[in-house]
PDB file of N, CA and C in Angstrom:
ATOM      1  N   UNK A   1       3.921 -74.527  33.999  1.00  0.00           N
ATOM      2  CA  UNK A   1       2.834 -74.257  34.919  1.00  0.00           C
ATOM      3  C   UNK A   1       3.088 -74.838  36.308  1.00  0.00           C
ATOM      4  N   UNK A   2       4.337 -75.200  36.601  1.00  0.00           N
ATOM      5  CA  UNK A   2       4.636 -75.719  37.929  1.00  0.00           C
ATOM      6  C   UNK A   2       4.398 -74.644  38.987  1.00  0.00           C
ATOM      7  N   UNK A   3       4.579 -73.362  38.611  1.00  0.00           N
ATOM      8  CA  UNK A   3       4.270 -72.282  39.543  1.00  0.00           C
ATOM      9  C   UNK A   3       2.795 -72.302  39.917  1.00  0.00           C
ATOM     10  N   UNK A   4       1.949 -72.571  38.943  1.00  0.00           N
ATOM     11  CA  UNK A   4       0.512 -72.654  39.192  1.00  0.00           C
ATOM     12  C   UNK A   4       0.217 -73.807  40.158  1.00  0.00           C
ATOM     13  N   UNK A   5       0.888 -74.921  39.967  1.00  0.00           N
ATOM     14  CA  UNK A   5       0.706 -76.063  40.867  1.00  0.00           C
ATOM     15  C   UNK A   5       1.182 -75.730  42.270  1.00  0.00           C
ATOM     16  N   UNK A   6       2.289 -74.999  42.361  1.00  0.00           N
ATOM     17  CA  UNK A   6       2.805 -74.592  43.668  1.00  0.00           C
ATOM     18  C   UNK A   6       1.806 -73.673  44.370  1.00  0.00           C
ATOM     19  N   UNK A   7       1.235 -72.742  43.619  1.00  0.00           N
ATOM     20  CA  UNK A   7       0.251 -71.826  44.202  1.00  0.00           C
ATOM     21  C   UNK A   7      -1.029 -72.563  44.587  1.00  0.00           C
ATOM     22  N   UNK A   8      -1.438 -73.537  43.754  1.00  0.00           N
ATOM     23  CA  UNK A   8      -2.617 -74.340  44.080  1.00  0.00           C
ATOM     24  C   UNK A   8      -2.379 -75.105  45.393  1.00  0.00           C
ATOM     25  N   UNK A   9      -1.204 -75.716  45.516  1.00  0.00           N
ATOM     26  CA  UNK A   9      -0.885 -76.459  46.744  1.00  0.00           C
ATOM     27  C   UNK A   9      -0.896 -75.536  47.958  1.00  0.00           C
ATOM     28  N   UNK A  10      -0.332 -74.321  47.793  1.00  0.00           N
ATOM     29  CA  UNK A  10      -0.325 -73.374  48.897  1.00  0.00           C
ATOM     30  C   UNK A  10      -1.749 -73.038  49.303  1.00  0.00           C
ATOM     31  N   UNK A  11      -2.602 -72.764  48.308  1.00  0.00           N
ATOM     32  CA  UNK A  11      -3.987 -72.395  48.614  1.00  0.00           C
ATOM     33  C   UNK A  11      -4.756 -73.549  49.249  1.00  0.00           C
ATOM     34  N   UNK A  12      -4.520 -74.759  48.791  1.00  0.00           N
ATOM     35  CA  UNK A  12      -5.202 -75.915  49.392  1.00  0.00           C
ATOM     36  C   UNK A  12      -4.773 -76.091  50.845  1.00  0.00           C
ATOM     37  N   UNK A  13      -3.480 -75.930  51.118  1.00  0.00           N
ATOM     38  CA  UNK A  13      -2.989 -76.037  52.494  1.00  0.00           C
ATOM     39  C   UNK A  13      -3.527 -74.905  53.355  1.00  0.00           C
ATOM     40  N   UNK A  14      -3.555 -73.702  52.802  1.00  0.00           N
ATOM     41  CA  UNK A  14      -4.068 -72.555  53.543  1.00  0.00           C
ATOM     42  C   UNK A  14      -5.561 -72.723  53.827  1.00  0.00           C
ATOM     43  N   UNK A  15      -6.299 -73.247  52.843  1.00  0.00           N
ATOM     44  CA  UNK A  15      -7.735 -73.486  53.025  1.00  0.00           C
ATOM     45  C   UNK A  15      -7.959 -74.476  54.167  1.00  0.00           C
ATOM     46  N   UNK A  16      -7.158 -75.517  54.209  1.00  0.00           N
ATOM     47  CA  UNK A  16      -7.274 -76.502  55.288  1.00  0.00           C
ATOM     48  C   UNK A  16      -6.992 -75.855  56.643  1.00  0.00           C
ATOM     49  N   UNK A  17      -5.968 -75.021  56.710  1.00  0.00           N
ATOM     50  CA  UNK A  17      -5.630 -74.335  57.965  1.00  0.00           C
ATOM     51  C   UNK A  17      -6.732 -73.382  58.383  1.00  0.00           C
ATOM     52  N   UNK A  18      -7.310 -72.655  57.438  1.00  0.00           N
ATOM     53  CA  UNK A  18      -8.396 -71.725  57.763  1.00  0.00           C
ATOM     54  C   UNK A  18      -9.648 -72.463  58.223  1.00  0.00           C
ATOM     55  N   UNK A  19      -9.957 -73.585  57.595  1.00  0.00           N
ATOM     56  CA  UNK A  19     -11.104 -74.382  58.036  1.00  0.00           C
ATOM     57  C   UNK A  19     -10.892 -74.903  59.456  1.00  0.00           C
ATOM     58  N   UNK A  20      -9.679 -75.309  59.768  1.00  0.00           N
ATOM     59  CA  UNK A  20      -9.366 -75.769  61.131  1.00  0.00           C
ATOM     60  C   UNK A  20      -9.510 -74.610  62.118  1.00  0.00           C
ATOM     61  N   UNK A  21      -9.025 -73.423  61.725  1.00  0.00           N
ATOM     62  CA  UNK A  21      -9.142 -72.249  62.593  1.00  0.00           C
ATOM     63  C   UNK A  21     -10.608 -71.926  62.854  1.00  0.00           C
ATOM     64  N   UNK A  22     -11.429 -71.952  61.800  1.00  0.00           N
ATOM     65  CA  UNK A  22     -12.853 -71.654  61.970  1.00  0.00           C
ATOM     66  C   UNK A  22     -13.537 -72.683  62.861  1.00  0.00           C
ATOM     67  N   UNK A  23     -13.151 -73.945  62.734  1.00  0.00           N
ATOM     68  CA  UNK A  23     -13.710 -74.989  63.593  1.00  0.00           C
ATOM     69  C   UNK A  23     -13.368 -74.702  65.052  1.00  0.00           C
ATOM     70  N   UNK A  24     -12.114 -74.328  65.312  1.00  0.00           N
ATOM     71  CA  UNK A  24     -11.700 -74.033  66.685  1.00  0.00           C
ATOM     72  C   UNK A  24     -12.391 -72.783  67.221  1.00  0.00           C
ATOM     73  N   UNK A  25     -12.584 -71.792  66.366  1.00  0.00           N
ATOM     74  CA  UNK A  25     -13.282 -70.578  66.790  1.00  0.00           C
ATOM     75  C   UNK A  25     -14.723 -70.907  67.155  1.00  0.00           C
ATOM     76  N   UNK A  26     -15.367 -71.707  66.332  1.00  0.00           N
ATOM     77  CA  UNK A  26     -16.752 -72.087  66.612  1.00  0.00           C
ATOM     78  C   UNK A  26     -16.839 -72.827  67.943  1.00  0.00           C
ATOM     79  N   UNK A  27     -15.891 -73.726  68.168  1.00  0.00           N
ATOM     80  CA  UNK A  27     -15.863 -74.462  69.433  1.00  0.00           C
ATOM     81  C   UNK A  27     -15.686 -73.508  70.608  1.00  0.00           C
ATOM     82  N   UNK A  28     -14.802 -72.523  70.453  1.00  0.00           N
ATOM     83  CA  UNK A  28     -14.517 -71.592  71.528  1.00  0.00           C
ATOM     84  C   UNK A  28     -15.709 -70.683  71.811  1.00  0.00           C
ATOM     85  N   UNK A  29     -16.370 -70.222  70.773  1.00  0.00           N
ATOM     86  CA  UNK A  29     -17.495 -69.296  70.945  1.00  0.00           C
ATOM     87  C   UNK A  29     -18.707 -69.995  71.556  1.00  0.00           C
ATOM     88  N   UNK A  30     -18.867 -71.275  71.300  1.00  0.00           N
ATOM     89  CA  UNK A  30     -20.033 -71.994  71.817  1.00  0.00           C
ATOM     90  C   UNK A  30     -19.790 -72.626  73.187  1.00  0.00           C
ATOM     91  N   UNK A  31     -18.657 -72.309  73.793  1.00  0.00           N
ATOM     92  CA  UNK A  31     -18.370 -72.861  75.121  1.00  0.00           C
ATOM     93  C   UNK A  31     -19.327 -72.268  76.156  1.00  0.00           C
ATOM     94  N   UNK A  32     -19.449 -72.948  77.261  1.00  0.00           N
ATOM     95  CA  UNK A  32     -20.320 -72.477  78.335  1.00  0.00           C
ATOM     96  C   UNK A  32     -19.673 -71.282  79.023  1.00  0.00           C
ATOM     97  N   UNK A  33     -20.462 -70.262  79.296  1.00  0.00           N
ATOM     98  CA  UNK A  33     -19.960 -69.047  79.937  1.00  0.00           C
ATOM     99  C   UNK A  33     -19.620 -69.322  81.394  1.00  0.00           C
ATOM    100  N   UNK A  34     -18.665 -68.588  81.880  1.00  0.00           N
ATOM    101  CA  UNK A  34     -18.246 -68.686  83.272  1.00  0.00           C
ATOM    102  C   UNK A  34     -19.360 -68.167  84.184  1.00  0.00           C
ATOM    103  N   UNK A  35     -19.404 -68.679  85.396  1.00  0.00           N
ATOM    104  CA  UNK A  35     -20.411 -68.219  86.362  1.00  0.00           C
ATOM    105  C   UNK A  35     -20.013 -66.880  86.974  1.00  0.00           C
ATOM    106  N   UNK A  36     -18.730 -66.559  86.957  1.00  0.00           N
ATOM    107  CA  UNK A  36     -18.212 -65.317  87.534  1.00  0.00           C
ATOM    108  C   UNK A  36     -18.470 -64.162  86.564  1.00  0.00           C
ATOM    109  N   UNK A  37     -19.124 -63.084  87.067  1.00  0.00           N
ATOM    110  CA  UNK A  37     -19.486 -61.948  86.212  1.00  0.00           C
ATOM    111  C   UNK A  37     -18.263 -61.256  85.624  1.00  0.00           C
ATOM    112  N   UNK A  38     -17.224 -61.084  86.411  1.00  0.00           N
ATOM    113  CA  UNK A  38     -16.032 -60.395  85.887  1.00  0.00           C
ATOM    114  C   UNK A  38     -15.349 -61.248  84.821  1.00  0.00           C
ATOM    115  N   UNK A  39     -15.369 -62.555  85.000  1.00  0.00           N
ATOM    116  CA  UNK A  39     -14.817 -63.434  83.972  1.00  0.00           C
ATOM    117  C   UNK A  39     -15.679 -63.408  82.718  1.00  0.00           C
ATOM    118  N   UNK A  40     -16.991 -63.295  82.883  1.00  0.00           N
ATOM    119  CA  UNK A  40     -17.886 -63.206  81.726  1.00  0.00           C
ATOM    120  C   UNK A  40     -17.597 -61.950  80.902  1.00  0.00           C
ATOM    121  N   UNK A  41     -17.302 -60.845  81.595  1.00  0.00           N
ATOM    122  CA  UNK A  41     -16.977 -59.601  80.883  1.00  0.00           C
ATOM    123  C   UNK A  41     -15.718 -59.789  80.046  1.00  0.00           C
ATOM    124  N   UNK A  42     -14.711 -60.426  80.616  1.00  0.00           N
ATOM    125  CA  UNK A  42     -13.466 -60.691  79.885  1.00  0.00           C
ATOM    126  C   UNK A  42     -13.727 -61.654  78.718  1.00  0.00           C
ATOM    127  N   UNK A  43     -14.561 -62.646  78.952  1.00  0.00           N
ATOM    128  CA  UNK A  43     -14.892 -63.605  77.898  1.00  0.00           C
ATOM    129  C   UNK A  43     -15.588 -62.905  76.735  1.00  0.00           C
ATOM    130  N   UNK A  44     -16.469 -61.953  77.032  1.00  0.00           N
ATOM    131  CA  UNK A  44     -17.167 -61.222  75.971  1.00  0.00           C
ATOM    132  C   UNK A  44     -16.178 -60.389  75.136  1.00  0.00           C
ATOM    133  N   UNK A  45     -15.219 -59.768  75.804  1.00  0.00           N
ATOM    134  CA  UNK A  45     -14.190 -59.022  75.067  1.00  0.00           C
ATOM    135  C   UNK A  45     -13.391 -59.965  74.175  1.00  0.00           C
ATOM    136  N   UNK A  46     -13.033 -61.114  74.723  1.00  0.00           N
ATOM    137  CA  UNK A  46     -12.295 -62.103  73.942  1.00  0.00           C
ATOM    138  C   UNK A  46     -13.128 -62.599  72.764  1.00  0.00           C
ATOM    139  N   UNK A  47     -14.426 -62.766  72.986  1.00  0.00           N
ATOM    140  CA  UNK A  47     -15.310 -63.230  71.915  1.00  0.00           C
ATOM    141  C   UNK A  47     -15.326 -62.246  70.746  1.00  0.00           C
ATOM    142  N   UNK A  48     -15.253 -60.939  71.050  1.00  0.00           N
ATOM    143  CA  UNK A  48     -15.224 -59.940  69.976  1.00  0.00           C
ATOM    144  C   UNK A  48     -13.969 -60.104  69.123  1.00  0.00           C
ATOM    145  N   UNK A  49     -12.843 -60.338  69.769  1.00  0.00           N
ATOM    146  CA  UNK A  49     -11.590 -60.545  69.039  1.00  0.00           C
ATOM    147  C   UNK A  49     -11.669 -61.831  68.220  1.00  0.00           C
ATOM    148  N   UNK A  50     -12.175 -62.875  68.838  1.00  0.00           N
ATOM    149  CA  UNK A  50     -12.296 -64.166  68.150  1.00  0.00           C
ATOM    150  C   UNK A  50     -13.247 -64.037  66.958  1.00  0.00           C
ATOM    151  N   UNK A  51     -14.324 -63.303  67.135  1.00  0.00           N
ATOM    152  CA  UNK A  51     -15.275 -63.094  66.038  1.00  0.00           C
ATOM    153  C   UNK A  51     -14.610 -62.367  64.874  1.00  0.00           C
ATOM    154  N   UNK A  52     -13.805 -61.353  65.179  1.00  0.00           N
ATOM    155  CA  UNK A  52     -13.094 -60.613  64.128  1.00  0.00           C
ATOM    156  C   UNK A  52     -12.116 -61.532  63.398  1.00  0.00           C
ATOM    157  N   UNK A  53     -11.414 -62.379  64.137  1.00  0.00           N
ATOM    158  CA  UNK A  53     -10.493 -63.330  63.512  1.00  0.00           C
ATOM    159  C   UNK A  53     -11.250 -64.316  62.621  1.00  0.00           C
ATOM    160  N   UNK A  54     -12.407 -64.728  63.076  1.00  0.00           N
ATOM    161  CA  UNK A  54     -13.229 -65.634  62.285  1.00  0.00           C
ATOM    162  C   UNK A  54     -13.703 -64.982  60.994  1.00  0.00           C
ATOM    163  N   UNK A  55     -14.094 -63.707  61.081  1.00  0.00           N
ATOM    164  CA  UNK A  55     -14.533 -62.981  59.881  1.00  0.00           C
ATOM    165  C   UNK A  55     -13.393 -62.845  58.875  1.00  0.00           C
ATOM    166  N   UNK A  56     -12.198 -62.535  59.368  1.00  0.00           N
ATOM    167  CA  UNK A  56     -11.038 -62.431  58.477  1.00  0.00           C
ATOM    168  C   UNK A  56     -10.736 -63.777  57.823  1.00  0.00           C
ATOM    169  N   UNK A  57     -10.833 -64.853  58.583  1.00  0.00           N
ATOM    170  CA  UNK A  57     -10.579 -66.189  58.039  1.00  0.00           C
ATOM    171  C   UNK A  57     -11.609 -66.536  56.968  1.00  0.00           C
ATOM    172  N   UNK A  58     -12.876 -66.196  57.210  1.00  0.00           N
ATOM    173  CA  UNK A  58     -13.922 -66.479  56.217  1.00  0.00           C
ATOM    174  C   UNK A  58     -13.700 -65.693  54.928  1.00  0.00           C
ATOM    175  N   UNK A  59     -13.277 -64.448  55.055  1.00  0.00           N
ATOM    176  CA  UNK A  59     -13.014 -63.619  53.876  1.00  0.00           C
ATOM    177  C   UNK A  59     -11.868 -64.218  53.066  1.00  0.00           C
ATOM    178  N   UNK A  60     -10.780 -64.579  53.750  1.00  0.00           N
ATOM    179  CA  UNK A  60      -9.641 -65.173  53.046  1.00  0.00           C
ATOM    180  C   UNK A  60     -10.023 -66.510  52.428  1.00  0.00           C
ATOM    181  N   UNK A  61     -10.791 -67.306  53.141  1.00  0.00           N
ATOM    182  CA  UNK A  61     -11.238 -68.603  52.636  1.00  0.00           C
ATOM    183  C   UNK A  61     -12.073 -68.425  51.363  1.00  0.00           C
ATOM    184  N   UNK A  62     -12.940 -67.435  51.356  1.00  0.00           N
ATOM    185  CA  UNK A  62     -13.745 -67.157  50.170  1.00  0.00           C
ATOM    186  C   UNK A  62     -12.854 -66.769  48.989  1.00  0.00           C
ATOM    187  N   UNK A  63     -11.853 -65.927  49.231  1.00  0.00           N
ATOM    188  CA  UNK A  63     -10.935 -65.524  48.165  1.00  0.00           C
ATOM    189  C   UNK A  63     -10.172 -66.734  47.615  1.00  0.00           C
ATOM    190  N   UNK A  64      -9.752 -67.602  48.495  1.00  0.00           N
ATOM    191  CA  UNK A  64      -9.025 -68.807  48.064  1.00  0.00           C
ATOM    192  C   UNK A  64      -9.936 -69.703  47.233  1.00  0.00           C
ATOM    193  N   UNK A  65     -11.161 -69.907  47.676  1.00  0.00           N
ATOM    194  CA  UNK A  65     -12.093 -70.752  46.925  1.00  0.00           C
ATOM    195  C   UNK A  65     -12.376 -70.177  45.539  1.00  0.00           C
ATOM    196  N   UNK A  66     -12.519 -68.867  45.458  1.00  0.00           N
ATOM    197  CA  UNK A  66     -12.742 -68.230  44.162  1.00  0.00           C
ATOM    198  C   UNK A  66     -11.524 -68.401  43.251  1.00  0.00           C
ATOM    199  N   UNK A  67     -10.330 -68.260  43.814  1.00  0.00           N
ATOM    200  CA  UNK A  67      -9.108 -68.436  43.022  1.00  0.00           C
ATOM    201  C   UNK A  67      -8.985 -69.881  42.529  1.00  0.00           C
ATOM    202  N   UNK A  68      -9.319 -70.834  43.380  1.00  0.00           N
ATOM    203  CA  UNK A  68      -9.265 -72.236  42.965  1.00  0.00           C
ATOM    204  C   UNK A  68     -10.291 -72.507  41.858  1.00  0.00           C
ATOM    205  N   UNK A  69     -11.455 -71.880  41.960  1.00  0.00           N
ATOM    206  CA  UNK A  69     -12.452 -72.005  40.889  1.00  0.00           C
ATOM    207  C   UNK A  69     -11.912 -71.428  39.587  1.00  0.00           C
ATOM    208  N   UNK A  70     -11.242 -70.251  39.679  1.00  0.00           N
ATOM    209  CA  UNK A  70     -10.661 -69.659  38.479  1.00  0.00           C
ATOM    210  C   UNK A  70      -9.592 -70.577  37.887  1.00  0.00           C
ATOM    211  N   UNK A  71      -8.821 -71.243  38.733  1.00  0.00           N
ATOM    212  CA  UNK A  71      -7.824 -72.203  38.242  1.00  0.00           C
ATOM    213  C   UNK A  71      -8.506 -73.333  37.484  1.00  0.00           C
ATOM    214  N   UNK A  72      -9.557 -73.871  38.062  1.00  0.00           N
ATOM    215  CA  UNK A  72     -10.272 -74.990  37.437  1.00  0.00           C
ATOM    216  C   UNK A  72     -10.924 -74.586  36.116  1.00  0.00           C
ATOM    217  N   UNK A  73     -11.274 -73.308  35.987  1.00  0.00           N
ATOM    218  CA  UNK A  73     -11.930 -72.815  34.774  1.00  0.00           C
ATOM    219  C   UNK A  73     -10.953 -72.222  33.759  1.00  0.00           C
ATOM    220  N   UNK A  74      -9.649 -72.276  34.079  1.00  0.00           N
ATOM    221  CA  UNK A  74      -8.648 -71.722  33.173  1.00  0.00           C
ATOM    222  C   UNK A  74      -8.612 -70.207  33.155  1.00  0.00           C
ATOM    223  N   UNK A  75      -9.161 -69.565  34.173  1.00  0.00           N
ATOM    224  CA  UNK A  75      -9.222 -68.103  34.233  1.00  0.00           C
ATOM    225  C   UNK A  75      -8.246 -67.521  35.246  1.00  0.00           C
ATOM    226  N   UNK A  76      -7.493 -68.382  35.909  1.00  0.00           N
ATOM    227  CA  UNK A  76      -6.580 -67.933  36.970  1.00  0.00           C
ATOM    228  C   UNK A  76      -5.424 -67.133  36.368  1.00  0.00           C
ATOM    229  N   UNK A  77      -5.059 -66.075  37.068  1.00  0.00           N
ATOM    230  CA  UNK A  77      -3.927 -65.265  36.637  1.00  0.00           C
ATOM    231  C   UNK A  77      -4.318 -64.102  35.751  1.00  0.00           C
ATOM    232  N   UNK A  78      -5.617 -63.929  35.535  1.00  0.00           N
ATOM    233  CA  UNK A  78      -6.108 -62.817  34.717  1.00  0.00           C
ATOM    234  C   UNK A  78      -7.028 -61.950  35.562  1.00  0.00           C
ATOM    235  N   UNK A  79      -6.886 -60.658  35.395  1.00  0.00           N
ATOM    236  CA  UNK A  79      -7.674 -59.679  36.137  1.00  0.00           C
ATOM    237  C   UNK A  79      -9.156 -59.843  35.813  1.00  0.00           C
ATOM    238  N   UNK A  80      -9.989 -59.838  36.840  1.00  0.00           N
ATOM    239  CA  UNK A  80     -11.432 -60.000  36.638  1.00  0.00           C
ATOM    240  C   UNK A  80     -12.085 -58.719  36.113  1.00  0.00           C
ATOM    241  N   UNK A  81     -11.354 -57.601  36.120  1.00  0.00           N
ATOM    242  CA  UNK A  81     -11.900 -56.341  35.621  1.00  0.00           C
ATOM    243  C   UNK A  81     -11.483 -56.091  34.180  1.00  0.00           C
ATOM    244  N   UNK A  82     -10.173 -56.154  33.911  1.00  0.00           N
ATOM    245  CA  UNK A  82      -9.681 -55.765  32.586  1.00  0.00           C
ATOM    246  C   UNK A  82      -9.197 -56.943  31.740  1.00  0.00           C
ATOM    247  N   UNK A  83      -9.176 -58.139  32.307  1.00  0.00           N
ATOM    248  CA  UNK A  83      -8.732 -59.368  31.626  1.00  0.00           C
ATOM    249  C   UNK A  83      -7.243 -59.400  31.299  1.00  0.00           C
ATOM    250  N   UNK A  84      -6.471 -58.415  31.749  1.00  0.00           N
ATOM    251  CA  UNK A  84      -5.025 -58.464  31.554  1.00  0.00           C
ATOM    252  C   UNK A  84      -4.424 -59.472  32.519  1.00  0.00           C
ATOM    253  N   UNK A  85      -3.241 -59.954  32.171  1.00  0.00           N
ATOM    254  CA  UNK A  85      -2.557 -60.924  33.016  1.00  0.00           C
ATOM    255  C   UNK A  85      -2.112 -60.260  34.317  1.00  0.00           C
ATOM    256  N   UNK A  86      -2.268 -60.967  35.413  1.00  0.00           N
ATOM    257  CA  UNK A  86      -1.790 -60.499  36.712  1.00  0.00           C
ATOM    258  C   UNK A  86      -0.316 -60.883  36.802  1.00  0.00           C
ATOM    259  N   UNK A  87       0.514 -59.957  37.224  1.00  0.00           N
ATOM    260  CA  UNK A  87       1.961 -60.196  37.298  1.00  0.00           C
ATOM    261  C   UNK A  87       2.261 -61.405  38.184  1.00  0.00           C
ATOM    262  N   UNK A  88       3.143 -62.285  37.726  1.00  0.00           N
ATOM    263  CA  UNK A  88       3.505 -63.463  38.531  1.00  0.00           C
ATOM    264  C   UNK A  88       3.983 -63.100  39.936  1.00  0.00           C
ATOM    265  N   UNK A  89       4.705 -61.988  40.074  1.00  0.00           N
ATOM    266  CA  UNK A  89       5.171 -61.578  41.404  1.00  0.00           C
ATOM    267  C   UNK A  89       3.994 -61.251  42.319  1.00  0.00           C
ATOM    268  N   UNK A  90       2.943 -60.677  41.764  1.00  0.00           N
ATOM    269  CA  UNK A  90       1.741 -60.370  42.563  1.00  0.00           C
ATOM    270  C   UNK A  90       1.075 -61.662  43.014  1.00  0.00           C
ATOM    271  N   UNK A  91       0.974 -62.627  42.116  1.00  0.00           N
ATOM    272  CA  UNK A  91       0.364 -63.913  42.478  1.00  0.00           C
ATOM    273  C   UNK A  91       1.223 -64.658  43.490  1.00  0.00           C
ATOM    274  N   UNK A  92       2.536 -64.506  43.381  1.00  0.00           N
ATOM    275  CA  UNK A  92       3.440 -65.132  44.337  1.00  0.00           C
ATOM    276  C   UNK A  92       3.200 -64.554  45.729  1.00  0.00           C
ATOM    277  N   UNK A  93       2.989 -63.232  45.791  1.00  0.00           N
ATOM    278  CA  UNK A  93       2.768 -62.562  47.077  1.00  0.00           C
ATOM    279  C   UNK A  93       1.365 -62.798  47.616  1.00  0.00           C
ATOM    280  N   UNK A  94       0.396 -62.862  46.710  1.00  0.00           N
ATOM    281  CA  UNK A  94      -0.997 -63.035  47.104  1.00  0.00           C
ATOM    282  C   UNK A  94      -1.660 -63.968  46.083  1.00  0.00           C
ATOM    283  N   UNK A  95      -1.526 -65.277  46.291  1.00  0.00           N
ATOM    284  CA  UNK A  95      -1.986 -66.248  45.292  1.00  0.00           C
ATOM    285  C   UNK A  95      -3.453 -66.144  44.906  1.00  0.00           C
ATOM    286  N   UNK A  96      -4.277 -65.559  45.750  1.00  0.00           N
ATOM    287  CA  UNK A  96      -5.699 -65.458  45.431  1.00  0.00           C
ATOM    288  C   UNK A  96      -6.065 -64.095  44.845  1.00  0.00           C
ATOM    289  N   UNK A  97      -5.055 -63.322  44.426  1.00  0.00           N
ATOM    290  CA  UNK A  97      -5.329 -62.014  43.815  1.00  0.00           C
ATOM    291  C   UNK A  97      -6.178 -62.199  42.572  1.00  0.00           C
ATOM    292  N   UNK A  98      -7.183 -61.345  42.433  1.00  0.00           N
ATOM    293  CA  UNK A  98      -8.041 -61.417  41.248  1.00  0.00           C
ATOM    294  C   UNK A  98      -8.006 -60.126  40.439  1.00  0.00           C
ATOM    295  N   UNK A  99      -7.186 -59.176  40.878  1.00  0.00           N
ATOM    296  CA  UNK A  99      -7.038 -57.910  40.172  1.00  0.00           C
ATOM    297  C   UNK A  99      -5.563 -57.676  39.849  1.00  0.00           C
ATOM    298  N   UNK A 100      -5.300 -57.097  38.675  1.00  0.00           N
ATOM    299  CA  UNK A 100      -3.943 -56.671  38.363  1.00  0.00           C
ATOM    300  C   UNK A 100      -3.636 -55.442  39.230  1.00  0.00           C
ATOM    301  N   UNK A 101      -2.387 -55.061  39.280  1.00  0.00           N
ATOM    302  CA  UNK A 101      -1.993 -53.910  40.098  1.00  0.00           C
ATOM    303  C   UNK A 101      -2.762 -52.647  39.695  1.00  0.00           C
ATOM    304  N   UNK A 102      -2.868 -52.401  38.406  1.00  0.00           N
ATOM    305  CA  UNK A 102      -3.536 -51.191  37.916  1.00  0.00           C
ATOM    306  C   UNK A 102      -4.983 -51.124  38.415  1.00  0.00           C
ATOM    307  N   UNK A 103      -5.718 -52.218  38.278  1.00  0.00           N
ATOM    308  CA  UNK A 103      -7.124 -52.230  38.716  1.00  0.00           C
ATOM    309  C   UNK A 103      -7.234 -52.195  40.236  1.00  0.00           C
ATOM    310  N   UNK A 104      -6.312 -52.848  40.930  1.00  0.00           N
ATOM    311  CA  UNK A 104      -6.333 -52.819  42.400  1.00  0.00           C
ATOM    312  C   UNK A 104      -6.074 -51.408  42.907  1.00  0.00           C
ATOM    313  N   UNK A 105      -5.118 -50.717  42.295  1.00  0.00           N
ATOM    314  CA  UNK A 105      -4.828 -49.343  42.713  1.00  0.00           C
ATOM    315  C   UNK A 105      -6.002 -48.421  42.392  1.00  0.00           C
ATOM    316  N   UNK A 106      -6.646 -48.632  41.253  1.00  0.00           N
ATOM    317  CA  UNK A 106      -7.808 -47.806  40.889  1.00  0.00           C
ATOM    318  C   UNK A 106      -8.936 -48.024  41.894  1.00  0.00           C
ATOM    319  N   UNK A 107      -9.156 -49.278  42.292  1.00  0.00           N
ATOM    320  CA  UNK A 107     -10.206 -49.567  43.274  1.00  0.00           C
ATOM    321  C   UNK A 107      -9.877 -48.929  44.613  1.00  0.00           C
ATOM    322  N   UNK A 108      -8.599 -49.018  45.039  1.00  0.00           N
ATOM    323  CA  UNK A 108      -8.193 -48.459  46.317  1.00  0.00           C
ATOM    324  C   UNK A 108      -8.291 -46.934  46.326  1.00  0.00           C
ATOM    325  N   UNK A 109      -8.026 -46.311  45.204  1.00  0.00           N
ATOM    326  CA  UNK A 109      -8.089 -44.840  45.151  1.00  0.00           C
ATOM    327  C   UNK A 109      -9.524 -44.334  45.209  1.00  0.00           C
ATOM    328  N   UNK A 110     -10.474 -45.194  44.825  1.00  0.00           N
ATOM    329  CA  UNK A 110     -11.889 -44.807  44.896  1.00  0.00           C
ATOM    330  C   UNK A 110     -12.421 -44.938  46.315  1.00  0.00           C
ATOM    331  N   UNK A 111     -11.697 -45.687  47.149  1.00  0.00           N
ATOM    332  CA  UNK A 111     -12.118 -45.813  48.538  1.00  0.00           C
ATOM    333  C   UNK A 111     -12.797 -47.039  48.771  1.00  0.00           C
TER     334      UNK A 111
END
């Protein structure tokens, strides 16, 4: 199970990095707006990009937390839909995967 420990360490490090990113995004978004109108327009465009990055970080952070919970409960590495084992190569590529390839492809084909 050293692979599991390696994946846990990766997720813990990634979680720390995502929390730091979210902290910096929050700091950036709550900054005082520029007095110059043209600069304010640029700042608003930048805020939209920063907001999107923050949303992506929150989504990934949630997936990591769920995977860590599954590890703690002994459910990690098994598909949440069909209970089959998730291929080790899939977990290596995406440690917080909660679906086997078959179920992930079925979900993607449904849209």
